[in-house]
Every structure is written in C-alpha cells, then in structure tokens.
Amino acid sequence: MNSPARITILRHGETPLTGLFCGSSDPELTGAGWESLVARTTDRSWDRVITSPLKRCHAFAQNLGLPLDVDARVREMDFGDWEGKSTEDVWNADQKALTAFWDDPTANPAPGGEPWAVMCARTAEAFEEIGREAQGQRLLLITHAGVMRSLLVTQLGLPFASAWKVSLPTASVLEMTAHHDPDNASLDVQLTALKGDE
C-alpha cells in the first residue's frame, strides 16, 4: 500500500486588498504578507510546490526554490462586480444581493462573478488529481481562503455554512493527507491540522 500524499495548504499573505472582496484581482503581497509566509515555510522539506497563478501566491512560491507547478484551478473565486469592494460597501449598495450570496453563493453569485459550485468543481478536480499523483510525497499548495473552504466542503464533507465559519486569516495552514486506493479509484482525505494566527 502506498503511503499517502501529505499536503500543506497555505493561504497567501496580506495584500493591500486584504479585507475586501479579492478574487480575480491580482495585488502583490505587502511586506508583512511576505514575512508571514516566510515564517510559515521554514521547514522547506516539500517535494514540490503547487501554486495559484495569482501574484499573491505565485511570486512567493517562485522564491522557495523548489520544483513548482502553476495550476489555475486553485485560483480564488471571481467576485465579479464586487472585486475590490468592502462588505460594507456592497451591503450599502445591495443588501439583498449580499444576503442571498451568503445564504447560497451557487444560486446567487456576485453579479458577474463565479458561482460557488463552479469553483468547488475545479478545486476538487485539482485536489483529487494532486492527491492521486503525489502518493508518498510532501506537497505545498499555496492558494486562497475560498479554495481552502471549498476543499473543506468537497473533500471532508463539511457543510457549506460551517465551512464559511472556519477562520482562515492570511498565512493560515491546513494540513491534509490523501490516500489513493487504486482498487476502487477512491481518495480518502483527512484533515490533520489547522493553523491560524500564532
């Protein structure tokens, strides 16, 4: 039996748009954001790094000096017309739309944005492929809070409403193992750690 893939999932650090709707927007990390990722990656014992193509993930991933793959499927959800806006601004402009989004972002995506189910489908596809192909390896996945929440839902079966209650500040870490059973083509995923602010 193969040993499982051990996957460290790291949220990017602080950007100038932290606290705003920031999905397809592409800001760079702040100095503090960069340093928070340095503190999270002192181990450097990963076999490979997989990153979102967005600069807040990709720029730091390139700096690690490890084998690197860029996967667009692990980019953040696109918030459409809400990109770069605060929750307060969106609330004041259209309270009904924001409430509907929080209740069901699949049926009620941000105007011009990506439905939750579409993002979940692409992130699940990416994670399951990564998990199957990386048996016995240690991987670092640098990505976004929305992607991390989608994996809690699709891989661990956490209810959507509960996933949104999990605090995932910048530079948060999820540790997961993924064991691939080739006999029935299944992927057994377990959450082994969640690290937020320290």
C-alpha atoms as a PDB file:
ATOM      1  CA  MET A   1       0.000   0.000   0.000  1.00  0.00           C
ATOM      2  CA  ASN A   2       1.342   3.418  -0.942  1.00  0.00           C
ATOM      3  CA  SER A   3       1.921   5.980   1.770  1.00  0.00           C
ATOM      4  CA  PRO A   4      -0.467   8.925   1.451  1.00  0.00           C
ATOM      5  CA  ALA A   5       0.272  12.294  -0.031  1.00  0.00           C
ATOM      6  CA  ARG A   6       0.862  14.839   2.710  1.00  0.00           C
ATOM      7  CA  ILE A   7      -0.313  18.226   1.549  1.00  0.00           C
ATOM      8  CA  THR A   8       0.292  21.521   3.332  1.00  0.00           C
ATOM      9  CA  ILE A   9      -2.264  24.060   2.103  1.00  0.00           C
ATOM     10  CA  LEU A  10      -1.118  27.621   2.749  1.00  0.00           C
ATOM     11  CA  ARG A  11      -3.176  30.750   2.276  1.00  0.00           C
ATOM     12  CA  HIS A  12      -1.277  33.672   0.772  1.00  0.00           C
ATOM     13  CA  GLY A  13      -0.144  36.533   2.988  1.00  0.00           C
ATOM     14  CA  GLU A  14      -1.580  40.013   3.421  1.00  0.00           C
ATOM     15  CA  THR A  15      -2.130  42.214   0.365  1.00  0.00           C
ATOM     16  CA  PRO A  16      -3.316  45.831   0.026  1.00  0.00           C
ATOM     17  CA  LEU A  17      -6.799  44.380  -0.649  1.00  0.00           C
ATOM     18  CA  THR A  18      -6.977  42.126   2.420  1.00  0.00           C
ATOM     19  CA  GLY A  19     -10.411  42.553   3.993  1.00  0.00           C
ATOM     20  CA  LEU A  20     -12.031  43.403   0.654  1.00  0.00           C
ATOM     21  CA  PHE A  21     -13.609  41.133  -1.955  1.00  0.00           C
ATOM     22  CA  CYS A  22     -10.450  39.998  -3.724  1.00  0.00           C
ATOM     23  CA  GLY A  23     -10.801  37.059  -6.078  1.00  0.00           C
ATOM     24  CA  SER A  24      -9.644  37.639  -9.639  1.00  0.00           C
ATOM     25  CA  SER A  25      -7.940  40.905  -8.634  1.00  0.00           C
ATOM     26  CA  ASP A  26      -4.182  40.433  -8.650  1.00  0.00           C
ATOM     27  CA  PRO A  27      -2.443  42.503  -5.961  1.00  0.00           C
ATOM     28  CA  GLU A  28       1.044  41.705  -4.756  1.00  0.00           C
ATOM     29  CA  LEU A  29       1.864  40.835  -1.160  1.00  0.00           C
ATOM     30  CA  THR A  30       2.675  43.564   1.343  1.00  0.00           C
ATOM     31  CA  GLY A  31       5.987  43.339   3.166  1.00  0.00           C
ATOM     32  CA  ALA A  32       4.182  41.952   6.207  1.00  0.00           C
ATOM     33  CA  GLY A  33       2.371  39.469   3.990  1.00  0.00           C
ATOM     34  CA  TRP A  34       5.642  38.214   2.555  1.00  0.00           C
ATOM     35  CA  GLU A  35       7.208  37.861   6.013  1.00  0.00           C
ATOM     36  CA  SER A  36       4.230  35.891   7.332  1.00  0.00           C
ATOM     37  CA  LEU A  37       4.759  33.334   4.554  1.00  0.00           C
ATOM     38  CA  VAL A  38       8.482  33.157   5.291  1.00  0.00           C
ATOM     39  CA  ALA A  39       7.586  32.275   8.883  1.00  0.00           C
ATOM     40  CA  ARG A  40       5.242  29.512   7.701  1.00  0.00           C
ATOM     41  CA  THR A  41       7.732  27.905   5.319  1.00  0.00           C
ATOM     42  CA  THR A  42      10.900  27.493   7.377  1.00  0.00           C
ATOM     43  CA  ASP A  43      10.682  23.692   7.007  1.00  0.00           C
ATOM     44  CA  ARG A  44      11.247  23.568   3.213  1.00  0.00           C
ATOM     45  CA  SER A  45      11.014  19.748   3.215  1.00  0.00           C
ATOM     46  CA  TRP A  46       8.350  19.599   0.493  1.00  0.00           C
ATOM     47  CA  ASP A  47       8.992  17.636  -2.660  1.00  0.00           C
ATOM     48  CA  ARG A  48       7.059  20.060  -4.815  1.00  0.00           C
ATOM     49  CA  VAL A  49       5.076  23.308  -4.673  1.00  0.00           C
ATOM     50  CA  ILE A  50       1.768  23.896  -6.454  1.00  0.00           C
ATOM     51  CA  THR A  51       0.502  27.459  -6.652  1.00  0.00           C
ATOM     52  CA  SER A  52      -2.323  29.621  -7.858  1.00  0.00           C
ATOM     53  CA  PRO A  53      -1.217  31.796 -10.791  1.00  0.00           C
ATOM     54  CA  LEU A  54      -2.194  34.983  -8.947  1.00  0.00           C
ATOM     55  CA  LYS A  55       0.764  37.109  -7.812  1.00  0.00           C
ATOM     56  CA  ARG A  56      -0.082  36.954  -4.109  1.00  0.00           C
ATOM     57  CA  CYS A  57       0.639  33.207  -4.287  1.00  0.00           C
ATOM     58  CA  HIS A  58       2.888  32.735  -7.305  1.00  0.00           C
ATOM     59  CA  ALA A  59       5.563  35.330  -6.513  1.00  0.00           C
ATOM     60  CA  PHE A  60       6.308  33.771  -3.131  1.00  0.00           C
ATOM     61  CA  ALA A  61       6.122  30.219  -4.499  1.00  0.00           C
ATOM     62  CA  GLN A  62       8.806  31.060  -7.076  1.00  0.00           C
ATOM     63  CA  ASN A  63      11.053  32.318  -4.291  1.00  0.00           C
ATOM     64  CA  LEU A  64      11.074  28.977  -2.448  1.00  0.00           C
ATOM     65  CA  GLY A  65      13.487  27.379  -4.903  1.00  0.00           C
ATOM     66  CA  LEU A  66      11.559  24.091  -5.041  1.00  0.00           C
ATOM     67  CA  PRO A  67      10.048  22.294  -8.056  1.00  0.00           C
ATOM     68  CA  LEU A  68       6.997  24.368  -8.957  1.00  0.00           C
ATOM     69  CA  ASP A  69       3.724  23.794 -10.799  1.00  0.00           C
ATOM     70  CA  VAL A  70       1.188  26.553 -11.504  1.00  0.00           C
ATOM     71  CA  ASP A  71      -2.435  25.373 -11.519  1.00  0.00           C
ATOM     72  CA  ALA A  72      -5.170  27.840 -12.489  1.00  0.00           C
ATOM     73  CA  ARG A  73      -7.783  25.569 -10.907  1.00  0.00           C
ATOM     74  CA  VAL A  74      -6.636  26.647  -7.431  1.00  0.00           C
ATOM     75  CA  ARG A  75      -7.111  30.386  -8.036  1.00  0.00           C
ATOM     76  CA  GLU A  76      -9.620  32.304  -5.907  1.00  0.00           C
ATOM     77  CA  MET A  77     -13.302  32.641  -6.773  1.00  0.00           C
ATOM     78  CA  ASP A  78     -14.081  35.597  -9.047  1.00  0.00           C
ATOM     79  CA  PHE A  79     -16.279  38.121  -7.206  1.00  0.00           C
ATOM     80  CA  GLY A  80     -17.310  39.944 -10.376  1.00  0.00           C
ATOM     81  CA  ASP A  81     -18.664  43.450  -9.770  1.00  0.00           C
ATOM     82  CA  TRP A  82     -17.721  43.223  -6.089  1.00  0.00           C
ATOM     83  CA  GLU A  83     -13.982  42.910  -6.726  1.00  0.00           C
ATOM     84  CA  GLY A  84     -12.017  45.391  -4.626  1.00  0.00           C
ATOM     85  CA  LYS A  85     -15.051  46.474  -2.595  1.00  0.00           C
ATOM     86  CA  SER A  86     -15.646  46.109   1.126  1.00  0.00           C
ATOM     87  CA  THR A  87     -18.500  44.084   2.555  1.00  0.00           C
ATOM     88  CA  GLU A  88     -19.898  47.340   3.933  1.00  0.00           C
ATOM     89  CA  ASP A  89     -19.882  48.994   0.504  1.00  0.00           C
ATOM     90  CA  VAL A  90     -21.616  46.026  -1.112  1.00  0.00           C
ATOM     91  CA  TRP A  91     -24.120  45.857   1.763  1.00  0.00           C
ATOM     92  CA  ASN A  92     -24.957  49.535   1.406  1.00  0.00           C
ATOM     93  CA  ALA A  93     -25.352  49.212  -2.360  1.00  0.00           C
ATOM     94  CA  ASP A  94     -27.360  45.974  -2.448  1.00  0.00           C
ATOM     95  CA  GLN A  95     -28.162  44.348   0.877  1.00  0.00           C
ATOM     96  CA  LYS A  96     -30.485  41.821  -0.761  1.00  0.00           C
ATOM     97  CA  ALA A  97     -27.822  40.553  -3.195  1.00  0.00           C
ATOM     98  CA  LEU A  98     -25.185  40.189  -0.489  1.00  0.00           C
ATOM     99  CA  THR A  99     -27.565  38.358   1.850  1.00  0.00           C
ATOM    100  CA  ALA A 100     -28.538  36.000  -0.971  1.00  0.00           C
ATOM    101  CA  PHE A 101     -24.851  35.376  -1.738  1.00  0.00           C
ATOM    102  CA  TRP A 102     -24.041  34.477   1.870  1.00  0.00           C
ATOM    103  CA  ASP A 103     -27.062  32.170   2.005  1.00  0.00           C
ATOM    104  CA  ASP A 104     -26.351  30.374  -1.292  1.00  0.00           C
ATOM    105  CA  PRO A 105     -23.403  31.561  -3.421  1.00  0.00           C
ATOM    106  CA  THR A 106     -24.127  28.908  -6.042  1.00  0.00           C
ATOM    107  CA  ALA A 107     -27.628  30.134  -6.805  1.00  0.00           C
ATOM    108  CA  ASN A 108     -26.734  33.764  -6.081  1.00  0.00           C
ATOM    109  CA  PRO A 109     -23.154  34.538  -7.150  1.00  0.00           C
ATOM    110  CA  ALA A 110     -21.801  38.055  -7.047  1.00  0.00           C
ATOM    111  CA  PRO A 111     -23.007  39.976 -10.126  1.00  0.00           C
ATOM    112  CA  GLY A 112     -20.713  38.943 -12.949  1.00  0.00           C
ATOM    113  CA  GLY A 113     -18.913  36.550 -10.605  1.00  0.00           C
ATOM    114  CA  GLU A 114     -18.246  32.830 -10.402  1.00  0.00           C
ATOM    115  CA  PRO A 115     -20.813  30.530  -8.763  1.00  0.00           C
ATOM    116  CA  TRP A 116     -19.578  28.649  -5.694  1.00  0.00           C
ATOM    117  CA  ALA A 117     -20.357  25.256  -7.273  1.00  0.00           C
ATOM    118  CA  VAL A 118     -18.212  26.062 -10.301  1.00  0.00           C
ATOM    119  CA  MET A 119     -15.258  26.932  -8.094  1.00  0.00           C
ATOM    120  CA  CYS A 120     -15.807  23.812  -5.975  1.00  0.00           C
ATOM    121  CA  ALA A 121     -15.811  21.643  -9.094  1.00  0.00           C
ATOM    122  CA  ARG A 122     -12.496  22.984 -10.377  1.00  0.00           C
ATOM    123  CA  THR A 123     -10.760  22.906  -6.995  1.00  0.00           C
ATOM    124  CA  ALA A 124     -11.998  19.370  -6.266  1.00  0.00           C
ATOM    125  CA  GLU A 125     -10.740  18.201  -9.655  1.00  0.00           C
ATOM    126  CA  ALA A 126      -7.331  19.743  -8.973  1.00  0.00           C
ATOM    127  CA  PHE A 127      -7.036  18.377  -5.434  1.00  0.00           C
ATOM    128  CA  GLU A 128      -8.097  14.866  -6.386  1.00  0.00           C
ATOM    129  CA  GLU A 129      -5.590  14.825  -9.250  1.00  0.00           C
ATOM    130  CA  ILE A 130      -2.861  16.115  -6.951  1.00  0.00           C
ATOM    131  CA  GLY A 131      -3.746  13.550  -4.289  1.00  0.00           C
ATOM    132  CA  ARG A 132      -3.674  10.633  -6.730  1.00  0.00           C
ATOM    133  CA  GLU A 133      -0.396  11.618  -8.366  1.00  0.00           C
ATOM    134  CA  ALA A 134       1.519  12.567  -5.222  1.00  0.00           C
ATOM    135  CA  GLN A 135       1.271   9.395  -3.151  1.00  0.00           C
ATOM    136  CA  GLY A 136       4.252   9.201  -0.816  1.00  0.00           C
ATOM    137  CA  GLN A 137       5.179  12.844  -1.405  1.00  0.00           C
ATOM    138  CA  ARG A 138       5.011  16.012   0.663  1.00  0.00           C
ATOM    139  CA  LEU A 139       3.496  18.923  -1.225  1.00  0.00           C
ATOM    140  CA  LEU A 140       2.942  22.601  -0.510  1.00  0.00           C
ATOM    141  CA  LEU A 141      -0.153  24.141  -2.104  1.00  0.00           C
ATOM    142  CA  ILE A 142      -0.200  27.964  -1.970  1.00  0.00           C
ATOM    143  CA  THR A 143      -3.700  29.232  -2.581  1.00  0.00           C
ATOM    144  CA  HIS A 144      -6.641  31.263  -1.230  1.00  0.00           C
ATOM    145  CA  ALA A 145      -9.220  31.177   1.568  1.00  0.00           C
ATOM    146  CA  GLY A 146     -12.101  30.396  -0.799  1.00  0.00           C
ATOM    147  CA  VAL A 147     -10.216  27.435  -2.228  1.00  0.00           C
ATOM    148  CA  MET A 148      -9.413  26.166   1.264  1.00  0.00           C
ATOM    149  CA  ARG A 149     -13.079  26.389   2.249  1.00  0.00           C
ATOM    150  CA  SER A 150     -14.129  24.612  -0.930  1.00  0.00           C
ATOM    151  CA  LEU A 151     -11.793  21.733  -0.040  1.00  0.00           C
ATOM    152  CA  LEU A 152     -13.293  21.501   3.441  1.00  0.00           C
ATOM    153  CA  VAL A 153     -16.658  21.035   1.719  1.00  0.00           C
ATOM    154  CA  THR A 154     -15.723  18.786  -1.210  1.00  0.00           C
ATOM    155  CA  GLN A 155     -13.039  16.634   0.413  1.00  0.00           C
ATOM    156  CA  LEU A 156     -14.135  16.460   4.046  1.00  0.00           C
ATOM    157  CA  GLY A 157     -17.901  16.793   3.655  1.00  0.00           C
ATOM    158  CA  LEU A 158     -18.149  19.871   5.866  1.00  0.00           C
ATOM    159  CA  PRO A 159     -21.486  21.637   5.323  1.00  0.00           C
ATOM    160  CA  PHE A 160     -21.165  24.826   3.315  1.00  0.00           C
ATOM    161  CA  ALA A 161     -22.465  27.017   6.156  1.00  0.00           C
ATOM    162  CA  SER A 162     -19.895  25.518   8.530  1.00  0.00           C
ATOM    163  CA  ALA A 163     -17.017  25.989   6.100  1.00  0.00           C
ATOM    164  CA  TRP A 164     -17.693  29.737   5.993  1.00  0.00           C
ATOM    165  CA  LYS A 165     -17.397  29.845   9.795  1.00  0.00           C
ATOM    166  CA  VAL A 166     -13.850  28.447   9.775  1.00  0.00           C
ATOM    167  CA  SER A 167     -11.423  31.294  10.428  1.00  0.00           C
ATOM    168  CA  LEU A 168      -8.730  31.357   7.733  1.00  0.00           C
ATOM    169  CA  PRO A 169      -6.702  34.549   8.159  1.00  0.00           C
ATOM    170  CA  THR A 170      -3.843  35.285   5.785  1.00  0.00           C
ATOM    171  CA  ALA A 171      -0.992  32.759   6.061  1.00  0.00           C
ATOM    172  CA  SER A 172      -3.321  30.134   7.553  1.00  0.00           C
ATOM    173  CA  VAL A 173      -2.364  26.495   7.073  1.00  0.00           C
ATOM    174  CA  LEU A 174      -4.402  23.336   6.571  1.00  0.00           C
ATOM    175  CA  GLU A 175      -2.552  20.026   6.722  1.00  0.00           C
ATOM    176  CA  MET A 176      -4.234  17.177   4.843  1.00  0.00           C
ATOM    177  CA  THR A 177      -3.363  13.620   3.932  1.00  0.00           C
ATOM    178  CA  ALA A 178      -4.760  11.989   0.812  1.00  0.00           C
ATOM    179  CA  HIS A 179      -4.610   8.222   0.348  1.00  0.00           C
ATOM    180  CA  HIS A 180      -5.427   6.895  -3.106  1.00  0.00           C
ATOM    181  CA  ASP A 181      -6.944   3.411  -3.335  1.00  0.00           C
ATOM    182  CA  PRO A 182      -6.395   2.255  -6.928  1.00  0.00           C
ATOM    183  CA  ASP A 183      -8.698  -0.740  -6.439  1.00  0.00           C
ATOM    184  CA  ASN A 184     -11.788   1.439  -6.235  1.00  0.00           C
ATOM    185  CA  ALA A 185     -10.326   4.710  -7.539  1.00  0.00           C
ATOM    186  CA  SER A 186     -11.182   6.470  -4.280  1.00  0.00           C
ATOM    187  CA  LEU A 187      -9.272   9.197  -2.483  1.00  0.00           C
ATOM    188  CA  ASP A 188      -9.504   9.183   1.309  1.00  0.00           C
ATOM    189  CA  VAL A 189      -8.729  12.664   2.649  1.00  0.00           C
ATOM    190  CA  GLN A 190      -8.158  13.609   6.279  1.00  0.00           C
ATOM    191  CA  LEU A 191      -7.549  16.976   7.914  1.00  0.00           C
ATOM    192  CA  THR A 192      -4.603  16.654  10.276  1.00  0.00           C
ATOM    193  CA  ALA A 193      -4.024  20.267  11.358  1.00  0.00           C
ATOM    194  CA  LEU A 194      -5.342  23.803  11.034  1.00  0.00           C
ATOM    195  CA  LYS A 195      -3.054  26.696  11.953  1.00  0.00           C
ATOM    196  CA  GLY A 196      -4.190  30.291  12.054  1.00  0.00           C
ATOM    197  CA  ASP A 197      -2.595  33.267  13.753  1.00  0.00           C
ATOM    198  CA  GLU A 198       0.177  32.422  16.182  1.00  0.00           C
END
